[in-house]
Structures are given as C-alpha cells and as structure tokens.
Protein backbone atom coordinates (compact mmCIF):
# COMPACT_ATOMS: atom_id res chain seq x y z
CA MET A 1 1.43 19.42 6.70
CA LYS A 2 0.55 17.20 9.34
CA ILE A 3 -1.27 13.96 9.39
CA ILE A 4 -2.36 11.02 11.40
CA PRO A 5 -0.32 7.72 10.52
CA PHE A 6 -2.79 4.58 10.63
CA TRP A 7 -0.21 2.14 10.11
CA GLY A 8 -2.79 -0.92 10.35
CA CYS A 9 -1.50 -4.80 12.04
CA MET A 10 0.55 -5.70 9.28
CA MET A 11 3.53 -3.47 8.68
CA PRO A 12 4.50 -2.99 12.22
CA LEU A 13 3.74 -6.32 13.19
CA LYS A 14 4.70 -8.19 9.95
CA TYR A 15 6.74 -6.11 7.71
CA PRO A 16 8.25 -2.77 9.93
CA GLN A 17 10.76 -1.57 6.97
CA MET A 18 7.61 -0.56 5.15
CA GLU A 19 6.72 1.89 8.59
CA LEU A 20 10.43 2.64 8.39
CA ALA A 21 10.54 3.69 5.05
CA ILE A 22 7.56 6.16 5.14
CA ARG A 23 8.82 7.60 8.15
CA LYS A 24 12.21 8.46 6.61
CA THR A 25 11.00 9.45 3.51
CA MET A 26 7.36 11.27 3.99
CA PRO A 27 9.04 14.58 6.22
CA ASN A 28 11.27 14.68 3.21
CA LEU A 29 7.68 15.39 1.09
CA GLY A 30 7.20 17.98 4.43
CA VAL A 31 4.60 15.68 5.92
CA GLU A 32 4.83 15.57 9.33
CA LEU A 33 3.22 12.51 10.97
CA VAL A 34 1.63 13.08 14.55
CA ASP A 35 1.03 9.31 15.95
CA VAL A 36 -2.00 8.48 18.52
CA ASP A 37 -2.69 5.87 20.75
CA GLY A 38 -6.25 3.65 20.33
CA PHE A 39 -6.11 2.12 16.63
CA THR A 40 -6.74 -1.46 16.08
CA CYS A 41 -7.19 -3.42 12.85
CA CYS A 42 -9.07 -1.58 10.34
CA PRO A 43 -10.68 -4.36 10.47
CA ASP A 44 -9.74 -6.82 7.07
CA PRO A 45 -11.65 -5.83 4.13
CA ILE A 46 -12.52 -9.82 3.00
CA TYR A 47 -12.63 -12.08 5.58
CA PHE A 48 -13.82 -10.02 8.91
CA LYS A 49 -16.28 -8.00 6.75
CA ALA A 50 -18.45 -11.12 5.23
CA ARG A 51 -18.31 -12.85 8.64
CA ASP A 52 -20.04 -10.01 10.86
CA LYS A 53 -20.19 -6.87 8.40
CA ILE A 54 -22.19 -4.68 11.05
CA LYS A 55 -18.86 -5.25 13.96
CA TRP A 56 -16.23 -4.85 10.46
CA LEU A 57 -18.58 -1.14 10.72
CA THR A 58 -18.62 -0.62 14.09
CA ILE A 59 -14.89 -1.60 14.49
CA ALA A 60 -13.80 0.35 11.61
CA ALA A 61 -15.99 3.69 13.26
CA ARG A 62 -14.10 3.28 15.88
CA ASN A 63 -10.67 3.99 14.27
CA LEU A 64 -12.40 6.88 12.37
CA ALA A 65 -13.61 7.81 15.74
CA VAL A 66 -10.29 8.49 17.55
CA ALA A 67 -9.18 10.19 14.63
CA GLU A 68 -11.72 12.60 14.41
CA GLU A 69 -11.05 13.51 18.46
CA THR A 70 -7.62 14.73 17.14
CA GLY A 71 -8.65 17.13 14.52
CA LEU A 72 -6.65 15.69 11.58
CA ASP A 73 -6.75 13.56 8.83
CA VAL A 74 -5.64 10.32 7.96
CA VAL A 75 -3.18 8.71 5.98
CA THR A 76 -3.16 4.91 5.05
CA MET A 77 -0.35 3.14 3.99
CA CYS A 78 -1.79 -0.52 3.08
CA SER A 79 -4.54 -0.84 0.69
CA GLY A 80 -6.73 -3.04 2.61
CA CYS A 81 -7.02 -0.59 5.23
CA ILE A 82 -7.51 2.05 3.17
CA SER A 83 -10.60 -0.03 1.56
CA THR A 84 -11.82 -0.41 5.11
CA LEU A 85 -11.83 2.83 6.21
CA ARG A 86 -13.11 4.37 2.99
CA GLU A 87 -15.91 1.62 2.54
CA THR A 88 -17.14 2.96 5.93
CA GLN A 89 -17.06 5.91 5.43
CA TYR A 90 -19.50 5.23 2.27
CA THR A 91 -21.53 2.81 3.91
CA LEU A 92 -22.51 4.83 6.83
CA GLU A 93 -23.23 8.38 4.62
CA GLU A 94 -25.32 6.57 2.58
CA ASP A 95 -27.27 4.48 5.34
CA PRO A 96 -28.26 7.34 8.62
CA ALA A 97 -29.90 4.72 10.29
CA LEU A 98 -26.96 1.95 10.28
CA LYS A 99 -24.76 4.87 11.20
CA ASP A 100 -26.65 5.46 14.08
CA GLU A 101 -27.27 1.84 15.05
CA VAL A 102 -22.80 1.61 14.75
CA ASN A 103 -23.28 5.08 17.23
CA LYS A 104 -25.10 2.83 19.69
CA ARG A 105 -22.56 0.13 19.52
CA LEU A 106 -19.45 2.78 19.82
CA LYS A 107 -22.05 4.75 22.81
CA ARG A 108 -20.67 1.70 24.82
CA VAL A 109 -16.71 2.55 24.68
CA ASN A 110 -17.84 6.37 24.60
CA LYS A 111 -16.79 6.75 21.23
CA GLU A 112 -18.99 8.45 17.96
CA TYR A 113 -18.29 8.14 14.52
CA LYS A 114 -19.51 11.89 13.31
CA GLY A 115 -18.27 11.28 9.57
CA LYS A 116 -15.82 14.44 9.90
CA VAL A 117 -12.36 13.30 9.10
CA LYS A 118 -10.79 12.56 5.50
CA VAL A 119 -9.03 9.32 4.55
CA SER A 120 -6.30 9.14 1.97
CA HIS A 121 -3.69 6.49 0.99
CA ALA A 122 -0.29 8.05 0.75
CA VAL A 123 0.00 7.91 -2.62
CA VAL A 124 -3.28 9.31 -2.88
CA LEU A 125 -2.57 12.46 -0.46
CA ILE A 126 1.31 13.03 -2.20
CA ARG A 127 -0.66 13.14 -5.30
CA ASP A 128 -3.62 15.65 -4.68
CA GLU A 129 -2.48 17.32 -1.91
CA LEU A 130 1.04 17.71 -2.37
CA GLY A 131 2.01 17.68 -6.06
CA LEU A 132 4.22 15.05 -7.76
CA ASP A 133 6.84 17.61 -7.96
CA VAL A 134 7.35 17.84 -4.48
CA VAL A 135 8.43 14.21 -5.06
CA LYS A 136 10.51 14.79 -8.16
CA LYS A 137 12.74 17.72 -5.27
CA SER A 138 12.84 15.12 -2.76
CA VAL A 139 15.68 13.22 -5.16
CA LYS A 140 18.67 12.81 -4.76
CA GLN A 141 19.41 9.84 -6.74
CA PRO A 142 17.34 9.59 -9.57
CA LEU A 143 16.88 6.16 -9.88
CA GLU A 144 17.61 6.33 -13.75
CA GLU A 145 17.31 3.18 -16.09
CA ILE A 146 15.49 0.90 -13.25
CA LYS A 147 12.61 -0.68 -15.04
CA VAL A 148 9.80 -0.96 -12.34
CA ALA A 149 6.62 -3.45 -13.28
CA ILE A 150 4.05 -1.82 -11.55
CA HIS A 151 1.00 -4.00 -9.01
CA TYR A 152 -1.97 -2.35 -8.47
CA GLY A 153 -3.70 -4.72 -6.57
CA CYS A 154 -7.59 -4.86 -6.15
CA HIS A 155 -8.45 -2.33 -3.06
CA ILE A 156 -6.92 0.97 -3.62
CA LEU A 157 -8.59 0.65 -6.74
CA LYS A 158 -12.34 -0.65 -6.31
CA PRO A 159 -15.11 -0.18 -6.00
CA SER A 160 -14.14 2.80 -7.79
CA GLN A 161 -17.42 4.35 -6.83
CA ILE A 162 -16.16 4.40 -3.43
CA MET A 163 -12.60 4.77 -4.01
CA HIS A 164 -12.21 7.48 -6.30
CA VAL A 165 -8.82 6.93 -7.08
CA ASP A 166 -8.18 6.57 -10.57
CA ASP A 167 -9.40 4.67 -13.68
CA ALA A 168 -10.04 0.96 -11.90
CA ASP A 169 -9.07 -0.13 -15.73
CA TYR A 170 -6.71 2.00 -17.12
CA PRO A 171 -4.48 3.61 -13.92
CA SER A 172 -1.79 5.78 -13.99
CA ILE A 173 -1.03 7.06 -10.16
CA LEU A 174 1.71 4.51 -9.29
CA ASP A 175 2.97 4.86 -12.68
CA ASP A 176 3.31 8.32 -11.73
CA PHE A 177 4.82 8.09 -9.19
CA ILE A 178 7.44 6.02 -10.11
CA THR A 179 8.66 8.39 -13.00
CA ALA A 180 8.62 11.30 -10.37
CA MET A 181 11.35 9.36 -8.79
CA GLY A 182 13.27 9.23 -11.84
CA ALA A 183 12.28 5.38 -12.79
CA ILE A 184 10.94 3.68 -15.64
CA PRO A 185 7.51 2.02 -15.04
CA VAL A 186 6.99 -1.07 -17.46
CA GLU A 187 3.79 -2.59 -19.11
CA HIS A 188 3.26 -5.70 -18.45
CA LYS A 189 -0.41 -8.09 -19.34
CA GLU A 190 -0.94 -8.96 -15.74
CA LYS A 191 -0.84 -5.40 -14.11
CA LEU A 192 -4.05 -5.55 -12.99
CA LEU A 193 -4.52 -9.08 -11.90
CA CYS A 194 -5.49 -9.84 -8.05
CA CYS A 195 -2.83 -11.23 -6.24
CA GLY A 196 -4.97 -14.20 -5.26
CA LYS A 197 -4.69 -13.65 -1.42
CA GLY A 198 -8.50 -13.54 -1.07
CA CYS A 199 -9.21 -17.02 -2.42
CA MET A 200 -9.82 -19.76 -0.21
CA ASP A 201 -8.56 -22.66 -2.06
CA GLU A 202 -5.34 -23.92 -2.31
CA ASP A 203 -4.13 -23.52 -5.62
CA LEU A 204 -5.43 -20.49 -7.04
CA PRO A 205 -3.72 -18.21 -5.04
CA LEU A 206 -0.36 -19.83 -6.65
CA ASP A 207 -2.09 -20.02 -10.10
CA MET A 208 -2.34 -15.89 -9.49
CA THR A 209 0.43 -15.66 -8.65
CA GLU A 210 2.60 -17.62 -10.91
CA SER A 211 0.64 -15.66 -13.80
CA ILE A 212 1.97 -12.46 -12.64
CA PHE A 213 5.32 -13.48 -11.99
CA ALA A 214 5.42 -14.91 -15.48
CA SER A 215 4.32 -11.52 -17.32
CA ILE A 216 6.85 -9.28 -15.06
CA GLU A 217 9.67 -12.03 -16.17
CA ALA A 218 8.74 -11.37 -19.84
CA SER A 219 8.60 -7.28 -19.16
CA SER A 220 12.41 -7.35 -18.42
CA ALA A 221 11.73 -5.10 -15.60
CA ASP A 222 14.30 -5.04 -12.63
CA CYS A 223 11.78 -5.08 -10.17
CA MET A 224 8.29 -5.39 -9.23
CA GLY A 225 6.71 -2.25 -6.70
CA LEU A 226 3.94 -2.20 -4.83
CA ILE A 227 2.21 -0.56 -2.19
CA CYS A 228 0.09 -3.12 -0.37
CA PRO A 229 1.62 -5.43 2.50
CA THR A 230 -1.00 -8.17 1.87
CA CYS A 231 -0.08 -8.14 -1.84
CA PHE A 232 3.84 -8.16 -0.80
CA SER A 233 3.27 -11.40 1.23
CA SER A 234 1.30 -12.95 -1.80
CA PHE A 235 4.93 -12.03 -3.91
CA ASP A 236 7.84 -12.24 -1.70
CA LEU A 237 7.30 -15.44 0.20
CA GLY A 238 5.13 -16.17 -3.07
CA GLN A 239 8.51 -16.87 -5.33
CA ILE A 240 9.47 -19.63 -2.66
CA MET A 241 6.48 -21.40 -2.46
CA ILE A 242 6.36 -21.58 -6.24
CA SER A 243 9.99 -22.40 -6.01
CA ARG A 244 9.06 -25.14 -3.91
CA LYS A 245 5.84 -26.90 -5.05
CA ARG A 246 6.63 -26.56 -8.83
CA GLY A 247 10.02 -26.79 -9.14
CA LYS A 248 10.23 -22.83 -11.14
CA THR A 249 12.24 -19.83 -9.92
CA TYR A 250 11.67 -16.34 -10.40
CA ASN A 251 14.46 -13.71 -8.89
CA ILE A 252 12.42 -10.70 -9.11
CA PRO A 253 13.05 -8.25 -6.01
CA VAL A 254 9.58 -7.34 -4.43
CA ILE A 255 9.94 -3.36 -3.22
CA TYR A 256 7.75 -1.51 -1.51
CA LEU A 257 7.27 2.28 -3.58
CA PHE A 258 8.23 4.27 -0.68
CA GLN A 259 11.54 1.57 -0.10
CA LEU A 260 12.37 2.90 -3.67
CA LEU A 261 11.38 6.40 -2.97
CA GLY A 262 13.89 6.27 -0.01
CA LEU A 263 16.64 4.54 -2.15
CA ALA A 264 15.72 7.62 -4.65
CA GLN A 265 16.23 10.68 -1.60
CA GLY A 266 19.79 8.62 -1.26
CA MET A 267 18.93 6.72 1.67
CA GLU A 268 21.02 3.21 1.80
CA PRO A 269 19.30 0.00 1.62
CA GLU A 270 19.49 -1.26 4.90
CA GLU A 271 17.75 2.36 5.78
CA VAL A 272 14.95 1.18 4.27
CA GLY A 273 14.41 -2.25 4.71
CA LEU A 274 15.30 -3.87 1.99
CA HIS A 275 17.94 -6.53 3.32
CA THR A 276 14.65 -7.84 5.11
CA HIS A 277 13.38 -8.96 1.77
CA ARG A 278 13.26 -13.15 1.12
CA ILE A 279 13.91 -11.60 -2.63
CA LYS A 280 17.18 -9.71 -2.26
CA ALA A 281 17.31 -6.34 -4.51
CA ASP A 282 20.91 -6.76 -5.27
CA LYS A 283 20.77 -6.65 -9.13
CA ILE A 284 19.05 -3.40 -8.47
CA ILE A 285 21.42 -1.64 -6.06
CA GLU A 286 24.17 -2.94 -8.23
CA LYS A 287 22.49 -1.26 -11.46
CA MET A 288 22.43 1.85 -9.34
CA LYS A 289 26.44 1.58 -8.48
CA ASP A 290 27.38 1.20 -11.82
CA LYS A 291 25.11 4.20 -13.00
CA ALA A 292 26.39 6.48 -9.96
CA LYS A 293 29.87 5.70 -11.13
CA VAL A 294 29.86 7.02 -14.63
C-alpha cells in the first residue's frame, strides 16, 4: 500500500521522534510512505479556525488539492491535522457554494479542491485497511505485562458525525491497537478528558492535566499512550510544570503509540526517540529487559 504522509507542523519541527517512529514502523506493516512537496500547516483546528474560518478552510483545501494531484490517499499522524482535514472535507461537501468560494481563492495559486482524496489517521488506516493482525504479525518482542493508560484526546473522536472513527463515549480503537502489540490497555477514570491545551486560561489546563495524571497514577499503569503531539506536549512538559508550580511530582512516561509499536517490533528505545522525552521511559525498558531474561 502506498500512502501520502501528512506530517503537519509539530512533529517535524518539535517532535521528530514521532515522525521517526512512523517511518520505521509503517514499512513493517506493508505501508510505503510517499512524501510530496507543497503541504503547509493543516491549519490549527482551534485558534486559526476561530479567527478566520474561510481562510482556515481555504488553506486546508489547498493541502487536500496538493494530495489530489498525486492520485494517492493521505494519512495523518496528528489528531489536530485529521480534525482539520476531515472537517474541511465534510463542510465543503455539505455546502457547494462555500466550496465554490474556496476554489475561487485557490485559483489564485493554480489549485482546485475536487473532494476526491481520502484522508485517514494512521491508526484508522491500520484498523480499517490493513487489519490489526498485521500489527500482531509485525511484533518481535511483545510488550507483555506493560500496562498502558490510554489518552484518546478530543479531535480524533469528535465531532463524531464528521470523524466516524469510533464510539465517542466508549472508544476502543487505541485499546485494540495496544492489545495487538501485546501490551495491556488500562482503564482509568479520566481516559476521555481533554488535555486542556485549547483552554484560554492560565490554570485550567494544568488542572485538567493534573486530573489525568492522578487518574493514571491510581491505575498503576506503566506509562501513558497517545497519538496526538499536542496532547504529548501537555503531558510530557505538563508534569514538569505541575512539579514546579504545585509541588506535586509525577513520573509517568508519555509515549506516542508508534514508538511503542517500534519497541514491539524489536527496535531499541533510541531508534524511536524515547531518549528525547523529558519523562524517561526507563522503568518500561527495564521491565521489558527483565521479561526477556525469563
């Protein structure tokens, strides 16, 4: 399968370890990533959209038009990117007049959005197009006894009438992905709470992330697993901020799920960039080493 990766902004610029993990793991699932030139920021599905929705739609449609010119479908690795691109597709399909207005603007840069490209998040592509058995077959070192507290985030699930990924209240897609690697998805009471990144308030984001950390700590999970770089920023850096501002120390490794997949496929922690995280995954690595000795 050939697919175009849409990397967005945060992964190449701030968290290249996530892009690295995707580039290393996807070929083992039978996926060839075909890079194309011309993409820009998705753009951001919160602040930019609120500021100027027609410009937001136009930029997103230009990205989709770039992909359409190749004849290949698109896979994103960021929940914000999939949210923007899917909502743009939905909105322009529902409103032909708005689509015409967007294309008038795109004509200035010799682009046209036709609405023919398919866009999926990487985990959805794996579940729906490849099947989770492909993940199981790629595993060389099952993550046995590794307990992962999953954070779904907002954008991959909602609005559900646009995303059509899973039951927004009782999702299982990430749990199933984790299970296919051989790890144990752990339930915790704040599994579906927003990370707080989009809140225009000084204290509320830390309140929300601290609630999630407390929930995960109570679950006795070995780490937090997620698929959104924005959420990662809230949690990896967030633990440092909570320690400094509130005197509460957590030590919960926050891991992008394709980094976990890399470990399950037999890669070393440095190969998927775990050494770059502020909260180190040492206890997971030691647990895996101990299991391998048995």
